[in-house]
Amino acid sequence: MTDKTFTHIDKAGNPSMVDVGAKAETFRLARARSIVELSEEILVQLEGDEIHTKKGPVFQTAILAGIMAAKRTGELIPLCHPLGLDNCQVHIHVNERKELVIECTASLRGKTGVEMEALTGASIAALTVYDMCKALSHDIVIRETKLIEKRGGKSDFVREE
């Protein structure tokens, strides 16, 4: 046995929000990444750093959606604390394997981490890309969403790449 336990379960086994009232405020940062595979039909529409559709600019719309979603994570995930983010950045680029890489970085000075905000921002940005591009092709795969880095709180985490 380890001393690690599920933090969102009370002693009776019921869902419970973690009480962070006694925790000290510290700088918290999290970075998450989603990878999206786009079909060649979509990739040929890439002009510079953007894909333009009848719905508008895909990446710019996805960036806004990711930021908006990160700010509302506490409303979307039942036991997440509502957080006032100090910063949230979403960056999108096409890598050498012709995959769309979406990275969301969220930060604040607070009593709880921002991993869920970064993961939510990256996820919703990826879903927005799907929505914006589905008229061109449904051959779109949101392959993975994962935490890349977290700083602050009890421990830091960096995924080896």
Protein backbone atom coordinates (compact mmCIF):
# COMPACT_ATOMS: atom_id res chain seq x y z
CA MET A 1 0.00 0.00 0.00
CA THR A 2 1.06 3.58 -0.61
CA ASP A 3 -0.07 6.68 1.21
CA LYS A 4 -1.74 7.92 -1.97
CA THR A 5 -5.53 7.89 -1.99
CA PHE A 6 -8.28 9.21 -4.20
CA THR A 7 -8.81 12.79 -3.10
CA HIS A 8 -12.37 13.20 -4.39
CA ILE A 9 -13.85 10.39 -2.28
CA ASP A 10 -14.86 10.89 1.36
CA LYS A 11 -14.48 8.29 4.13
CA ALA A 12 -17.90 6.86 3.28
CA GLY A 13 -16.97 6.43 -0.39
CA ASN A 14 -19.06 9.36 -1.64
CA PRO A 15 -17.91 12.01 -4.13
CA SER A 16 -16.41 14.99 -2.31
CA MET A 17 -14.78 18.25 -3.33
CA VAL A 18 -11.27 18.60 -1.90
CA ASP A 19 -11.06 21.24 0.84
CA VAL A 20 -8.21 23.55 -0.13
CA GLY A 21 -9.02 26.19 2.47
CA ALA A 22 -5.94 25.56 4.61
CA LYS A 23 -3.49 25.27 1.70
CA ALA A 24 -1.03 28.04 0.95
CA GLU A 25 -1.22 29.90 -2.34
CA THR A 26 1.67 29.06 -4.65
CA PHE A 27 2.44 29.49 -8.33
CA ARG A 28 0.81 26.68 -10.34
CA LEU A 29 1.35 25.90 -14.02
CA ALA A 30 0.21 23.05 -16.24
CA ARG A 31 0.80 22.30 -19.91
CA ALA A 32 -1.26 19.78 -21.87
CA ARG A 33 -1.13 18.61 -25.47
CA SER A 34 -3.64 17.18 -27.92
CA ILE A 35 -2.57 15.59 -31.20
CA VAL A 36 -5.00 15.69 -34.13
CA GLU A 37 -4.53 13.76 -37.36
CA LEU A 38 -6.05 15.56 -40.32
CA SER A 39 -6.72 14.00 -43.70
CA GLU A 40 -4.79 15.15 -46.75
CA GLU A 41 -8.02 16.78 -47.99
CA ILE A 42 -7.83 19.11 -45.00
CA LEU A 43 -4.06 19.59 -44.92
CA VAL A 44 -4.00 20.86 -48.53
CA GLN A 45 -6.15 23.76 -47.27
CA LEU A 46 -3.30 24.89 -44.99
CA GLU A 47 -2.12 28.35 -46.04
CA GLY A 48 0.86 29.46 -43.98
CA ASP A 49 -0.14 28.88 -40.37
CA GLU A 50 -3.91 28.69 -40.84
CA ILE A 51 -6.73 26.76 -42.48
CA HIS A 52 -9.58 28.94 -43.70
CA THR A 53 -13.07 27.46 -44.04
CA LYS A 54 -16.54 28.91 -44.61
CA LYS A 55 -16.88 28.91 -40.82
CA GLY A 56 -13.76 31.05 -40.49
CA PRO A 57 -10.12 30.59 -39.50
CA VAL A 58 -9.77 27.15 -37.92
CA PHE A 59 -6.75 27.60 -35.67
CA GLN A 60 -7.72 31.07 -34.42
CA THR A 61 -11.21 29.81 -33.55
CA ALA A 62 -9.75 26.74 -31.81
CA ILE A 63 -7.38 28.93 -29.78
CA LEU A 64 -10.28 31.05 -28.55
CA ALA A 65 -12.37 27.96 -27.77
CA GLY A 66 -9.50 26.38 -25.82
CA ILE A 67 -8.98 29.49 -23.71
CA MET A 68 -12.70 29.86 -23.05
CA ALA A 69 -12.98 26.19 -22.06
CA ALA A 70 -9.99 26.34 -19.72
CA LYS A 71 -11.60 29.30 -17.94
CA ARG A 72 -14.83 27.29 -17.47
CA THR A 73 -13.35 23.95 -16.38
CA GLY A 74 -14.91 24.21 -12.92
CA GLU A 75 -18.36 24.35 -14.56
CA LEU A 76 -17.67 21.33 -16.79
CA ILE A 77 -15.97 18.84 -14.44
CA PRO A 78 -18.07 18.27 -11.31
CA LEU A 79 -15.44 18.29 -8.55
CA CYS A 80 -13.00 20.83 -10.01
CA HIS A 81 -12.66 24.09 -8.14
CA PRO A 82 -13.67 27.18 -10.11
CA LEU A 83 -10.38 28.98 -10.72
CA GLY A 84 -9.57 32.47 -11.88
CA LEU A 85 -6.67 31.80 -14.22
CA ASP A 86 -3.88 34.36 -14.33
CA ASN A 87 -2.88 33.21 -17.81
CA CYS A 88 -3.92 30.73 -20.47
CA GLN A 89 -2.19 30.28 -23.80
CA VAL A 90 -3.09 27.90 -26.63
CA HIS A 91 -0.62 27.31 -29.45
CA ILE A 92 -1.26 25.26 -32.58
CA HIS A 93 1.18 24.06 -35.21
CA VAL A 94 1.64 21.27 -37.74
CA ASN A 95 4.62 19.06 -36.91
CA GLU A 96 7.00 17.21 -39.24
CA ARG A 97 4.64 14.17 -39.29
CA LYS A 98 1.83 16.44 -40.54
CA GLU A 99 -0.04 16.14 -37.24
CA LEU A 100 -1.74 19.09 -35.65
CA VAL A 101 -0.19 19.77 -32.24
CA ILE A 102 -2.29 21.78 -29.81
CA GLU A 103 -0.70 22.89 -26.55
CA CYS A 104 -2.53 24.65 -23.75
CA THR A 105 -0.65 26.21 -20.84
CA ALA A 106 -2.60 27.50 -17.85
CA SER A 107 -1.22 29.22 -14.77
CA LEU A 108 -2.22 31.03 -11.63
CA ARG A 109 -1.21 31.75 -8.09
CA GLY A 110 -3.59 29.64 -6.03
CA LYS A 111 -4.32 26.76 -3.68
CA THR A 112 -4.92 24.04 -6.25
CA GLY A 113 -3.41 22.95 -9.54
CA VAL A 114 -4.44 23.81 -13.07
CA GLU A 115 -3.91 20.44 -14.79
CA MET A 116 -7.58 20.02 -15.59
CA GLU A 117 -7.75 23.52 -17.06
CA ALA A 118 -4.82 22.82 -19.39
CA LEU A 119 -6.26 19.42 -20.39
CA THR A 120 -9.71 20.92 -20.98
CA GLY A 121 -8.28 23.76 -23.07
CA ALA A 122 -6.29 21.37 -25.29
CA SER A 123 -9.26 18.99 -25.63
CA ILE A 124 -11.81 21.64 -26.57
CA ALA A 125 -9.40 23.25 -29.03
CA ALA A 126 -9.02 19.81 -30.69
CA LEU A 127 -12.80 19.32 -30.81
CA THR A 128 -13.17 22.78 -32.32
CA VAL A 129 -10.72 21.87 -35.09
CA TYR A 130 -12.85 18.79 -35.77
CA ASP A 131 -16.03 20.88 -35.90
CA MET A 132 -14.48 23.49 -38.18
CA CYS A 133 -13.02 20.90 -40.59
CA LYS A 134 -15.68 18.18 -40.73
CA ALA A 135 -17.28 19.73 -43.82
CA LEU A 136 -14.00 19.06 -45.67
CA SER A 137 -13.56 15.50 -44.36
CA HIS A 138 -14.63 13.34 -41.45
CA ASP A 139 -11.26 11.56 -41.60
CA ILE A 140 -10.03 13.38 -38.49
CA VAL A 141 -8.63 11.59 -35.44
CA ILE A 142 -8.10 13.24 -32.09
CA ARG A 143 -5.41 10.79 -31.14
CA GLU A 144 -4.32 11.79 -27.69
CA THR A 145 -4.58 14.37 -24.99
CA LYS A 146 -2.05 14.26 -22.19
CA LEU A 147 -0.44 16.28 -19.45
CA ILE A 148 3.06 17.37 -20.47
CA GLU A 149 4.09 19.34 -17.42
CA LYS A 150 2.83 20.50 -14.05
CA ARG A 151 4.56 22.82 -11.58
CA GLY A 152 3.60 23.86 -8.08
CA GLY A 153 1.80 22.16 -5.24
CA LYS A 154 3.12 18.99 -3.63
CA SER A 155 5.16 17.87 -6.62
CA ASP A 156 6.25 18.78 -10.11
CA PHE A 157 5.76 16.55 -13.15
CA VAL A 158 7.42 16.60 -16.57
CA ARG A 159 6.64 13.93 -19.15
CA GLU A 160 9.73 12.61 -20.90
CA GLU A 161 9.26 12.96 -24.65
